[in-house]
C-alpha atoms as a PDB file:
ATOM      1  CA  UNK A   1      19.898 -53.744  49.453  1.00  0.00           C
ATOM      2  CA  UNK A   2      23.237 -54.958  48.279  1.00  0.00           C
ATOM      3  CA  UNK A   3      26.214 -54.283  50.406  1.00  0.00           C
ATOM      4  CA  UNK A   4      29.559 -53.164  48.635  1.00  0.00           C
ATOM      5  CA  UNK A   5      32.823 -53.970  50.129  1.00  0.00           C
ATOM      6  CA  UNK A   6      36.353 -52.410  49.220  1.00  0.00           C
ATOM      7  CA  UNK A   7      38.879 -54.265  51.229  1.00  0.00           C
ATOM      8  CA  UNK A   8      42.101 -52.396  50.708  1.00  0.00           C
ATOM      9  CA  UNK A   9      45.691 -52.646  52.054  1.00  0.00           C
ATOM     10  CA  UNK A  10      45.189 -50.358  54.885  1.00  0.00           C
ATOM     11  CA  UNK A  11      41.316 -49.881  55.381  1.00  0.00           C
ATOM     12  CA  UNK A  12      38.085 -51.476  54.517  1.00  0.00           C
ATOM     13  CA  UNK A  13      35.333 -49.346  53.111  1.00  0.00           C
ATOM     14  CA  UNK A  14      31.686 -50.474  52.966  1.00  0.00           C
ATOM     15  CA  UNK A  15      28.607 -48.959  51.734  1.00  0.00           C
ATOM     16  CA  UNK A  16      25.436 -49.999  49.874  1.00  0.00           C
ATOM     17  CA  UNK A  17      23.093 -49.658  47.077  1.00  0.00           C
ATOM     18  CA  UNK A  18      19.216 -50.234  46.788  1.00  0.00           C
ATOM     19  CA  UNK A  19      19.002 -52.476  43.702  1.00  0.00           C
ATOM     20  CA  UNK A  20      15.310 -51.179  43.062  1.00  0.00           C
ATOM     21  CA  UNK A  21      16.103 -47.559  43.379  1.00  0.00           C
ATOM     22  CA  UNK A  22      19.542 -46.942  42.869  1.00  0.00           C
ATOM     23  CA  UNK A  23      19.902 -45.062  46.182  1.00  0.00           C
ATOM     24  CA  UNK A  24      23.350 -45.080  47.637  1.00  0.00           C
ATOM     25  CA  UNK A  25      24.830 -44.754  51.273  1.00  0.00           C
ATOM     26  CA  UNK A  26      25.706 -41.111  51.929  1.00  0.00           C
ATOM     27  CA  UNK A  27      28.550 -41.770  54.294  1.00  0.00           C
ATOM     28  CA  UNK A  28      30.357 -45.122  53.699  1.00  0.00           C
ATOM     29  CA  UNK A  29      32.007 -46.796  56.721  1.00  0.00           C
ATOM     30  CA  UNK A  30      35.951 -47.035  56.673  1.00  0.00           C
ATOM     31  CA  UNK A  31      37.484 -49.455  59.186  1.00  0.00           C
ATOM     32  CA  UNK A  32      41.231 -50.491  59.854  1.00  0.00           C
ATOM     33  CA  UNK A  33      41.996 -54.056  59.643  1.00  0.00           C
ATOM     34  CA  UNK A  34      41.994 -54.512  63.358  1.00  0.00           C
ATOM     35  CA  UNK A  35      38.394 -53.055  63.643  1.00  0.00           C
ATOM     36  CA  UNK A  36      36.562 -55.195  61.423  1.00  0.00           C
ATOM     37  CA  UNK A  37      34.438 -56.404  64.318  1.00  0.00           C
ATOM     38  CA  UNK A  38      32.508 -52.992  64.036  1.00  0.00           C
ATOM     39  CA  UNK A  39      31.128 -54.125  60.636  1.00  0.00           C
ATOM     40  CA  UNK A  40      28.623 -56.308  62.541  1.00  0.00           C
ATOM     41  CA  UNK A  41      27.326 -53.292  64.370  1.00  0.00           C
ATOM     42  CA  UNK A  42      27.175 -51.256  60.831  1.00  0.00           C
ATOM     43  CA  UNK A  43      25.287 -54.126  59.332  1.00  0.00           C
ATOM     44  CA  UNK A  44      22.734 -54.013  62.132  1.00  0.00           C
ATOM     45  CA  UNK A  45      22.085 -50.386  61.562  1.00  0.00           C
ATOM     46  CA  UNK A  46      21.352 -50.431  57.911  1.00  0.00           C
ATOM     47  CA  UNK A  47      17.980 -49.119  56.756  1.00  0.00           C
ATOM     48  CA  UNK A  48      17.110 -52.547  55.114  1.00  0.00           C
ATOM     49  CA  UNK A  49      18.228 -56.162  55.355  1.00  0.00           C
ATOM     50  CA  UNK A  50      20.978 -56.815  52.632  1.00  0.00           C
ATOM     51  CA  UNK A  51      20.248 -59.747  50.585  1.00  0.00           C
ATOM     52  CA  UNK A  52      24.059 -60.165  49.589  1.00  0.00           C
ATOM     53  CA  UNK A  53      27.297 -58.306  49.327  1.00  0.00           C
ATOM     54  CA  UNK A  54      29.603 -57.671  46.344  1.00  0.00           C
ATOM     55  CA  UNK A  55      33.235 -56.746  46.960  1.00  0.00           C
ATOM     56  CA  UNK A  56      37.042 -56.667  46.146  1.00  0.00           C
ATOM     57  CA  UNK A  57      39.750 -57.690  48.190  1.00  0.00           C
ATOM     58  CA  UNK A  58      43.464 -56.839  47.886  1.00  0.00           C
ATOM     59  CA  UNK A  59      44.210 -57.220  51.510  1.00  0.00           C
ATOM     60  CA  UNK A  60      44.816 -60.951  51.393  1.00  0.00           C
ATOM     61  CA  UNK A  61      43.044 -64.150  52.475  1.00  0.00           C
ATOM     62  CA  UNK A  62      43.168 -63.340  56.332  1.00  0.00           C
ATOM     63  CA  UNK A  63      41.131 -60.083  56.025  1.00  0.00           C
ATOM     64  CA  UNK A  64      38.942 -61.688  53.407  1.00  0.00           C
ATOM     65  CA  UNK A  65      38.237 -64.484  55.998  1.00  0.00           C
ATOM     66  CA  UNK A  66      37.518 -61.982  58.860  1.00  0.00           C
ATOM     67  CA  UNK A  67      35.044 -60.062  56.739  1.00  0.00           C
ATOM     68  CA  UNK A  68      33.287 -63.363  55.586  1.00  0.00           C
ATOM     69  CA  UNK A  69      32.879 -64.290  59.240  1.00  0.00           C
ATOM     70  CA  UNK A  70      31.073 -61.127  60.064  1.00  0.00           C
ATOM     71  CA  UNK A  71      28.680 -61.343  57.040  1.00  0.00           C
ATOM     72  CA  UNK A  72      28.030 -64.970  57.758  1.00  0.00           C
ATOM     73  CA  UNK A  73      26.671 -64.071  61.291  1.00  0.00           C
ATOM     74  CA  UNK A  74      24.176 -61.822  59.192  1.00  0.00           C
ATOM     75  CA  UNK A  75      23.374 -64.466  56.624  1.00  0.00           C
ATOM     76  CA  UNK A  76      24.572 -62.195  53.949  1.00  0.00           C
ATOM     77  CA  UNK A  77      26.606 -64.177  51.336  1.00  0.00           C
ATOM     78  CA  UNK A  78      29.675 -62.353  49.775  1.00  0.00           C
ATOM     79  CA  UNK A  79      30.685 -62.451  46.041  1.00  0.00           C
ATOM     80  CA  UNK A  80      34.333 -61.340  45.596  1.00  0.00           C
ATOM     81  CA  UNK A  81      34.817 -59.512  42.008  1.00  0.00           C
ATOM     82  CA  UNK A  82      37.995 -60.356  39.971  1.00  0.00           C
ATOM     83  CA  UNK A  83      39.236 -58.605  36.865  1.00  0.00           C
ATOM     84  CA  UNK A  84      37.543 -59.330  33.870  1.00  0.00           C
ATOM     85  CA  UNK A  85      37.914 -59.021  30.207  1.00  0.00           C
ATOM     86  CA  UNK A  86      34.804 -56.985  29.903  1.00  0.00           C
ATOM     87  CA  UNK A  87      32.006 -55.519  32.242  1.00  0.00           C
ATOM     88  CA  UNK A  88      29.188 -53.136  31.719  1.00  0.00           C
ATOM     89  CA  UNK A  89      30.690 -50.697  29.007  1.00  0.00           C
ATOM     90  CA  UNK A  90      34.414 -51.334  29.674  1.00  0.00           C
ATOM     91  CA  UNK A  91      37.122 -53.634  27.798  1.00  0.00           C
ATOM     92  CA  UNK A  92      40.107 -54.670  29.778  1.00  0.00           C
ATOM     93  CA  UNK A  93      43.312 -54.553  27.668  1.00  0.00           C
ATOM     94  CA  UNK A  94      45.354 -56.317  30.311  1.00  0.00           C
ATOM     95  CA  UNK A  95      47.443 -59.217  28.946  1.00  0.00           C
ATOM     96  CA  UNK A  96      45.826 -61.129  31.621  1.00  0.00           C
ATOM     97  CA  UNK A  97      42.600 -59.613  32.745  1.00  0.00           C
ATOM     98  CA  UNK A  98      42.310 -61.546  35.903  1.00  0.00           C
ATOM     99  CA  UNK A  99      45.674 -60.413  37.183  1.00  0.00           C
ATOM    100  CA  UNK A 100      44.467 -56.807  36.965  1.00  0.00           C
ATOM    101  CA  UNK A 101      43.771 -55.661  40.660  1.00  0.00           C
ATOM    102  CA  UNK A 102      40.230 -55.944  41.425  1.00  0.00           C
ATOM    103  CA  UNK A 103      40.110 -52.532  43.050  1.00  0.00           C
ATOM    104  CA  UNK A 104      41.611 -50.935  39.894  1.00  0.00           C
ATOM    105  CA  UNK A 105      39.170 -52.813  37.637  1.00  0.00           C
ATOM    106  CA  UNK A 106      36.102 -51.691  39.615  1.00  0.00           C
ATOM    107  CA  UNK A 107      37.426 -48.101  39.827  1.00  0.00           C
ATOM    108  CA  UNK A 108      37.577 -48.067  36.085  1.00  0.00           C
ATOM    109  CA  UNK A 109      33.819 -49.402  35.921  1.00  0.00           C
ATOM    110  CA  UNK A 110      32.869 -46.589  38.403  1.00  0.00           C
ATOM    111  CA  UNK A 111      34.870 -43.937  36.300  1.00  0.00           C
ATOM    112  CA  UNK A 112      33.162 -45.122  33.092  1.00  0.00           C
ATOM    113  CA  UNK A 113      29.807 -44.612  34.734  1.00  0.00           C
ATOM    114  CA  UNK A 114      30.255 -41.052  35.625  1.00  0.00           C
ATOM    115  CA  UNK A 115      29.120 -38.373  33.532  1.00  0.00           C
ATOM    116  CA  UNK A 116      31.991 -36.399  31.613  1.00  0.00           C
ATOM    117  CA  UNK A 117      30.590 -33.401  29.926  1.00  0.00           C
ATOM    118  CA  UNK A 118      33.635 -33.147  27.694  1.00  0.00           C
ATOM    119  CA  UNK A 119      32.880 -36.396  26.152  1.00  0.00           C
ATOM    120  CA  UNK A 120      28.948 -36.398  26.031  1.00  0.00           C
ATOM    121  CA  UNK A 121      29.015 -32.869  24.541  1.00  0.00           C
ATOM    122  CA  UNK A 122      30.910 -34.441  21.486  1.00  0.00           C
ATOM    123  CA  UNK A 123      28.999 -37.447  21.294  1.00  0.00           C
ATOM    124  CA  UNK A 124      28.126 -36.880  17.647  1.00  0.00           C
ATOM    125  CA  UNK A 125      31.504 -36.869  16.744  1.00  0.00           C
ATOM    126  CA  UNK A 126      32.613 -40.307  17.640  1.00  0.00           C
ATOM    127  CA  UNK A 127      33.835 -41.042  14.024  1.00  0.00           C
ATOM    128  CA  UNK A 128      36.538 -38.399  14.544  1.00  0.00           C
ATOM    129  CA  UNK A 129      37.705 -39.749  17.659  1.00  0.00           C
ATOM    130  CA  UNK A 130      37.686 -36.447  19.427  1.00  0.00           C
ATOM    131  CA  UNK A 131      37.327 -37.475  23.132  1.00  0.00           C
ATOM    132  CA  UNK A 132      40.194 -36.885  25.577  1.00  0.00           C
ATOM    133  CA  UNK A 133      41.270 -39.806  27.808  1.00  0.00           C
ATOM    134  CA  UNK A 134      40.267 -40.102  31.394  1.00  0.00           C
ATOM    135  CA  UNK A 135      43.104 -40.680  34.157  1.00  0.00           C
ATOM    136  CA  UNK A 136      42.342 -41.828  37.536  1.00  0.00           C
ATOM    137  CA  UNK A 137      45.314 -41.132  39.940  1.00  0.00           C
ATOM    138  CA  UNK A 138      44.620 -43.107  43.270  1.00  0.00           C
ATOM    139  CA  UNK A 139      46.936 -42.517  46.039  1.00  0.00           C
ATOM    140  CA  UNK A 140      46.898 -45.110  48.758  1.00  0.00           C
ATOM    141  CA  UNK A 141      49.416 -47.442  50.265  1.00  0.00           C
ATOM    142  CA  UNK A 142      50.365 -47.748  46.559  1.00  0.00           C
ATOM    143  CA  UNK A 143      49.717 -45.231  43.886  1.00  0.00           C
ATOM    144  CA  UNK A 144      48.004 -46.477  40.691  1.00  0.00           C
ATOM    145  CA  UNK A 145      47.420 -44.229  37.519  1.00  0.00           C
ATOM    146  CA  UNK A 146      45.319 -45.690  35.132  1.00  0.00           C
ATOM    147  CA  UNK A 147      43.663 -44.589  31.872  1.00  0.00           C
ATOM    148  CA  UNK A 148      40.254 -45.077  30.052  1.00  0.00           C
ATOM    149  CA  UNK A 149      39.763 -44.176  26.385  1.00  0.00           C
ATOM    150  CA  UNK A 150      36.569 -43.965  24.418  1.00  0.00           C
ATOM    151  CA  UNK A 151      36.480 -46.920  22.228  1.00  0.00           C
ATOM    152  CA  UNK A 152      35.538 -45.205  18.963  1.00  0.00           C
ATOM    153  CA  UNK A 153      35.059 -48.556  16.906  1.00  0.00           C
ATOM    154  CA  UNK A 154      32.312 -49.838  19.335  1.00  0.00           C
ATOM    155  CA  UNK A 155      30.579 -46.740  20.438  1.00  0.00           C
ATOM    156  CA  UNK A 156      27.324 -45.247  19.095  1.00  0.00           C
ATOM    157  CA  UNK A 157      25.624 -41.968  19.816  1.00  0.00           C
ATOM    158  CA  UNK A 158      23.378 -43.441  22.517  1.00  0.00           C
ATOM    159  CA  UNK A 159      26.091 -45.878  24.076  1.00  0.00           C
ATOM    160  CA  UNK A 160      29.572 -44.708  24.642  1.00  0.00           C
ATOM    161  CA  UNK A 161      31.878 -47.815  25.406  1.00  0.00           C
ATOM    162  CA  UNK A 162      35.436 -47.321  26.898  1.00  0.00           C
ATOM    163  CA  UNK A 163      38.803 -49.393  26.839  1.00  0.00           C
ATOM    164  CA  UNK A 164      40.990 -49.517  29.842  1.00  0.00           C
ATOM    165  CA  UNK A 165      44.553 -49.101  28.421  1.00  0.00           C
ATOM    166  CA  UNK A 166      46.529 -49.796  31.405  1.00  0.00           C
ATOM    167  CA  UNK A 167      48.367 -47.813  34.027  1.00  0.00           C
ATOM    168  CA  UNK A 168      51.309 -47.509  36.518  1.00  0.00           C
ATOM    169  CA  UNK A 169      51.970 -48.633  40.101  1.00  0.00           C
ATOM    170  CA  UNK A 170      54.404 -46.979  42.421  1.00  0.00           C
ATOM    171  CA  UNK A 171      54.831 -46.866  46.144  1.00  0.00           C
ATOM    172  CA  UNK A 172      52.378 -44.604  47.563  1.00  0.00           C
ATOM    173  CA  UNK A 173      53.467 -41.220  49.398  1.00  0.00           C
ATOM    174  CA  UNK A 174      53.493 -42.776  53.061  1.00  0.00           C
ATOM    175  CA  UNK A 175      55.405 -45.855  51.725  1.00  0.00           C
ATOM    176  CA  UNK A 176      57.976 -43.709  50.204  1.00  0.00           C
ATOM    177  CA  UNK A 177      58.608 -41.857  53.254  1.00  0.00           C
ATOM    178  CA  UNK A 178      58.692 -45.055  55.447  1.00  0.00           C
ATOM    179  CA  UNK A 179      61.127 -46.645  53.007  1.00  0.00           C
ATOM    180  CA  UNK A 180      63.434 -43.872  53.359  1.00  0.00           C
ATOM    181  CA  UNK A 181      63.298 -43.913  57.090  1.00  0.00           C
ATOM    182  CA  UNK A 182      63.841 -47.641  57.408  1.00  0.00           C
ATOM    183  CA  UNK A 183      66.336 -48.191  54.569  1.00  0.00           C
ATOM    184  CA  UNK A 184      68.811 -45.328  55.572  1.00  0.00           C
ATOM    185  CA  UNK A 185      70.751 -44.683  58.545  1.00  0.00           C
ATOM    186  CA  UNK A 186      70.276 -40.869  58.987  1.00  0.00           C
ATOM    187  CA  UNK A 187      66.853 -40.200  57.215  1.00  0.00           C
ATOM    188  CA  UNK A 188      63.949 -39.280  59.226  1.00  0.00           C
ATOM    189  CA  UNK A 189      60.217 -39.974  58.842  1.00  0.00           C
ATOM    190  CA  UNK A 190      59.510 -36.829  57.205  1.00  0.00           C
ATOM    191  CA  UNK A 191      56.655 -34.402  58.159  1.00  0.00           C
ATOM    192  CA  UNK A 192      56.724 -31.207  56.313  1.00  0.00           C
ATOM    193  CA  UNK A 193      55.219 -29.563  53.264  1.00  0.00           C
ATOM    194  CA  UNK A 194      56.748 -29.478  49.803  1.00  0.00           C
ATOM    195  CA  UNK A 195      58.516 -26.387  48.674  1.00  0.00           C
ATOM    196  CA  UNK A 196      60.342 -25.150  45.573  1.00  0.00           C
ATOM    197  CA  UNK A 197      63.803 -25.315  47.134  1.00  0.00           C
ATOM    198  CA  UNK A 198      63.926 -27.209  50.190  1.00  0.00           C
ATOM    199  CA  UNK A 199      66.419 -25.884  52.922  1.00  0.00           C
ATOM    200  CA  UNK A 200      66.008 -28.840  55.564  1.00  0.00           C
ATOM    201  CA  UNK A 201      65.936 -32.581  55.620  1.00  0.00           C
ATOM    202  CA  UNK A 202      62.057 -33.003  56.347  1.00  0.00           C
ATOM    203  CA  UNK A 203      61.332 -30.625  53.423  1.00  0.00           C
ATOM    204  CA  UNK A 204      63.536 -32.357  51.174  1.00  0.00           C
ATOM    205  CA  UNK A 205      61.953 -35.631  51.652  1.00  0.00           C
ATOM    206  CA  UNK A 206      58.509 -34.345  51.589  1.00  0.00           C
ATOM    207  CA  UNK A 207      59.156 -32.317  48.421  1.00  0.00           C
ATOM    208  CA  UNK A 208      60.995 -35.331  46.653  1.00  0.00           C
ATOM    209  CA  UNK A 209      58.001 -37.676  47.466  1.00  0.00           C
ATOM    210  CA  UNK A 210      55.393 -35.028  46.139  1.00  0.00           C
ATOM    211  CA  UNK A 211      57.491 -34.494  43.055  1.00  0.00           C
ATOM    212  CA  UNK A 212      57.834 -38.184  42.368  1.00  0.00           C
ATOM    213  CA  UNK A 213      54.019 -38.489  42.680  1.00  0.00           C
ATOM    214  CA  UNK A 214      53.186 -35.631  40.660  1.00  0.00           C
ATOM    215  CA  UNK A 215      55.689 -36.402  38.060  1.00  0.00           C
ATOM    216  CA  UNK A 216      54.142 -39.838  37.536  1.00  0.00           C
ATOM    217  CA  UNK A 217      50.595 -38.433  37.067  1.00  0.00           C
ATOM    218  CA  UNK A 218      52.114 -35.661  34.645  1.00  0.00           C
ATOM    219  CA  UNK A 219      53.856 -38.610  32.611  1.00  0.00           C
ATOM    220  CA  UNK A 220      50.669 -40.264  32.026  1.00  0.00           C
ATOM    221  CA  UNK A 221      48.937 -37.084  31.171  1.00  0.00           C
ATOM    222  CA  UNK A 222      51.548 -36.389  28.531  1.00  0.00           C
ATOM    223  CA  UNK A 223      51.228 -39.817  27.122  1.00  0.00           C
ATOM    224  CA  UNK A 224      47.586 -39.227  26.789  1.00  0.00           C
ATOM    225  CA  UNK A 225      48.129 -35.844  25.018  1.00  0.00           C
ATOM    226  CA  UNK A 226      50.705 -37.689  22.623  1.00  0.00           C
ATOM    227  CA  UNK A 227      48.742 -40.731  21.787  1.00  0.00           C
ATOM    228  CA  UNK A 228      45.201 -39.125  21.449  1.00  0.00           C
ATOM    229  CA  UNK A 229      45.780 -35.390  20.658  1.00  0.00           C
ATOM    230  CA  UNK A 230      43.999 -34.261  23.785  1.00  0.00           C
ATOM    231  CA  UNK A 231      44.994 -33.649  27.358  1.00  0.00           C
ATOM    232  CA  UNK A 232      43.387 -36.177  29.563  1.00  0.00           C
ATOM    233  CA  UNK A 233      40.871 -35.455  32.020  1.00  0.00           C
ATOM    234  CA  UNK A 234      42.268 -36.123  35.481  1.00  0.00           C
ATOM    235  CA  UNK A 235      40.552 -37.617  38.641  1.00  0.00           C
ATOM    236  CA  UNK A 236      42.209 -38.303  42.079  1.00  0.00           C
ATOM    237  CA  UNK A 237      41.348 -40.671  44.836  1.00  0.00           C
ATOM    238  CA  UNK A 238      42.921 -42.219  47.803  1.00  0.00           C
ATOM    239  CA  UNK A 239      43.616 -41.170  51.479  1.00  0.00           C
ATOM    240  CA  UNK A 240      47.317 -39.897  50.550  1.00  0.00           C
ATOM    241  CA  UNK A 241      45.946 -37.317  48.045  1.00  0.00           C
ATOM    242  CA  UNK A 242      46.202 -34.398  50.441  1.00  0.00           C
ATOM    243  CA  UNK A 243      49.929 -35.119  50.833  1.00  0.00           C
ATOM    244  CA  UNK A 244      50.482 -34.548  47.069  1.00  0.00           C
ATOM    245  CA  UNK A 245      47.755 -32.648  45.760  1.00  0.00           C
ATOM    246  CA  UNK A 246      49.239 -29.159  45.801  1.00  0.00           C
ATOM    247  CA  UNK A 247      52.265 -30.331  43.876  1.00  0.00           C
ATOM    248  CA  UNK A 248      50.180 -32.305  41.351  1.00  0.00           C
ATOM    249  CA  UNK A 249      47.751 -29.452  40.349  1.00  0.00           C
ATOM    250  CA  UNK A 250      50.676 -26.901  40.220  1.00  0.00           C
ATOM    251  CA  UNK A 251      52.767 -29.134  37.780  1.00  0.00           C
ATOM    252  CA  UNK A 252      49.747 -29.993  35.635  1.00  0.00           C
ATOM    253  CA  UNK A 253      48.634 -26.524  35.371  1.00  0.00           C
ATOM    254  CA  UNK A 254      52.022 -25.179  34.599  1.00  0.00           C
ATOM    255  CA  UNK A 255      52.425 -27.690  31.830  1.00  0.00           C
ATOM    256  CA  UNK A 256      48.906 -27.077  30.428  1.00  0.00           C
ATOM    257  CA  UNK A 257      50.025 -23.467  30.282  1.00  0.00           C
ATOM    258  CA  UNK A 258      53.239 -23.959  28.669  1.00  0.00           C
ATOM    259  CA  UNK A 259      51.948 -26.221  26.053  1.00  0.00           C
ATOM    260  CA  UNK A 260      48.792 -24.076  25.333  1.00  0.00           C
ATOM    261  CA  UNK A 261      46.209 -26.724  26.599  1.00  0.00           C
ATOM    262  CA  UNK A 262      43.050 -25.697  28.180  1.00  0.00           C
ATOM    263  CA  UNK A 263      43.456 -25.785  32.114  1.00  0.00           C
ATOM    264  CA  UNK A 264      41.420 -28.557  33.535  1.00  0.00           C
ATOM    265  CA  UNK A 265      40.812 -29.215  37.257  1.00  0.00           C
ATOM    266  CA  UNK A 266      41.634 -32.345  39.001  1.00  0.00           C
ATOM    267  CA  UNK A 267      38.315 -33.814  40.450  1.00  0.00           C
ATOM    268  CA  UNK A 268      38.380 -35.572  43.668  1.00  0.00           C
ATOM    269  CA  UNK A 269      36.385 -39.163  43.679  1.00  0.00           C
ATOM    270  CA  UNK A 270      35.680 -40.369  47.314  1.00  0.00           C
ATOM    271  CA  UNK A 271      34.849 -43.934  46.601  1.00  0.00           C
ATOM    272  CA  UNK A 272      35.557 -44.831  43.070  1.00  0.00           C
ATOM    273  CA  UNK A 273      35.729 -48.710  43.978  1.00  0.00           C
ATOM    274  CA  UNK A 274      32.297 -48.572  45.698  1.00  0.00           C
ATOM    275  CA  UNK A 275      30.960 -46.584  42.577  1.00  0.00           C
ATOM    276  CA  UNK A 276      32.152 -49.444  40.404  1.00  0.00           C
ATOM    277  CA  UNK A 277      30.673 -52.145  42.473  1.00  0.00           C
ATOM    278  CA  UNK A 278      27.390 -50.168  42.573  1.00  0.00           C
ATOM    279  CA  UNK A 279      27.214 -50.018  38.804  1.00  0.00           C
ATOM    280  CA  UNK A 280      27.985 -53.739  38.776  1.00  0.00           C
ATOM    281  CA  UNK A 281      25.225 -54.589  41.169  1.00  0.00           C
ATOM    282  CA  UNK A 282      22.538 -52.535  39.432  1.00  0.00           C
ATOM    283  CA  UNK A 283      23.528 -54.148  36.159  1.00  0.00           C
ATOM    284  CA  UNK A 284      23.193 -57.658  37.651  1.00  0.00           C
ATOM    285  CA  UNK A 285      19.834 -56.768  39.248  1.00  0.00           C
ATOM    286  CA  UNK A 286      18.402 -55.459  36.238  1.00  0.00           C
ATOM    287  CA  UNK A 287      19.676 -58.545  34.218  1.00  0.00           C
ATOM    288  CA  UNK A 288      18.040 -60.938  36.865  1.00  0.00           C
ATOM    289  CA  UNK A 289      14.551 -58.908  36.625  1.00  0.00           C
END
């Protein structure tokens, strides 16, 4: 068993994968930074003793040290993964691959290892480059919107490869609301639902935040359409997704209709970072054996 750790800005998620069978946890644990002592209880309840842990950390050295202390008590070493030039079937085109947030990088690895019917159905047409890009919009403390594309030159019918093209970072929905409340004299911490024409301040703020988040997703979708001739597939993740999902779905669907593009759903991913860590762990175990 290999433990998987996603140490984010707000919460730490942990799961596991059986390196022999590929079996995964069904319900990963999620803890705030001040409750990391509960990791020890969770580790003690696992169905098997873990041999090591594989993780990413964007929460800073203090959180990393606290996690390491817990795992040290269970004689379970942790390997923290950084951004890489290439891993599994994904190439990283970041100017400095190590600078890419490891959570974003592992999410891309997880995304690349998901089945994408729109791509696999056209696998015989690699030379024509008919594949849509794939977007992952993750709404957390920060919102990141990243894009994968099929690497036509390096793919083969039985081995599709991807290139991470890059992405955007902006404040997440909650951070946008907090910054308005803390940076202005008269604006509140808004609690309301977005609407077409807001008629009070809470509505105005909530609508503005949702519009900014949805607009950022739409911007990347339109660029994918412009550059590759196909509307991207869109996936969402992150705890703040419920705050913006209605506006994001509405705006994307309306744009697809206006441009004559086929409507595509936005699929929710619960643990894209853990998915990437799992794929990396299984690949490493296969190499070792």
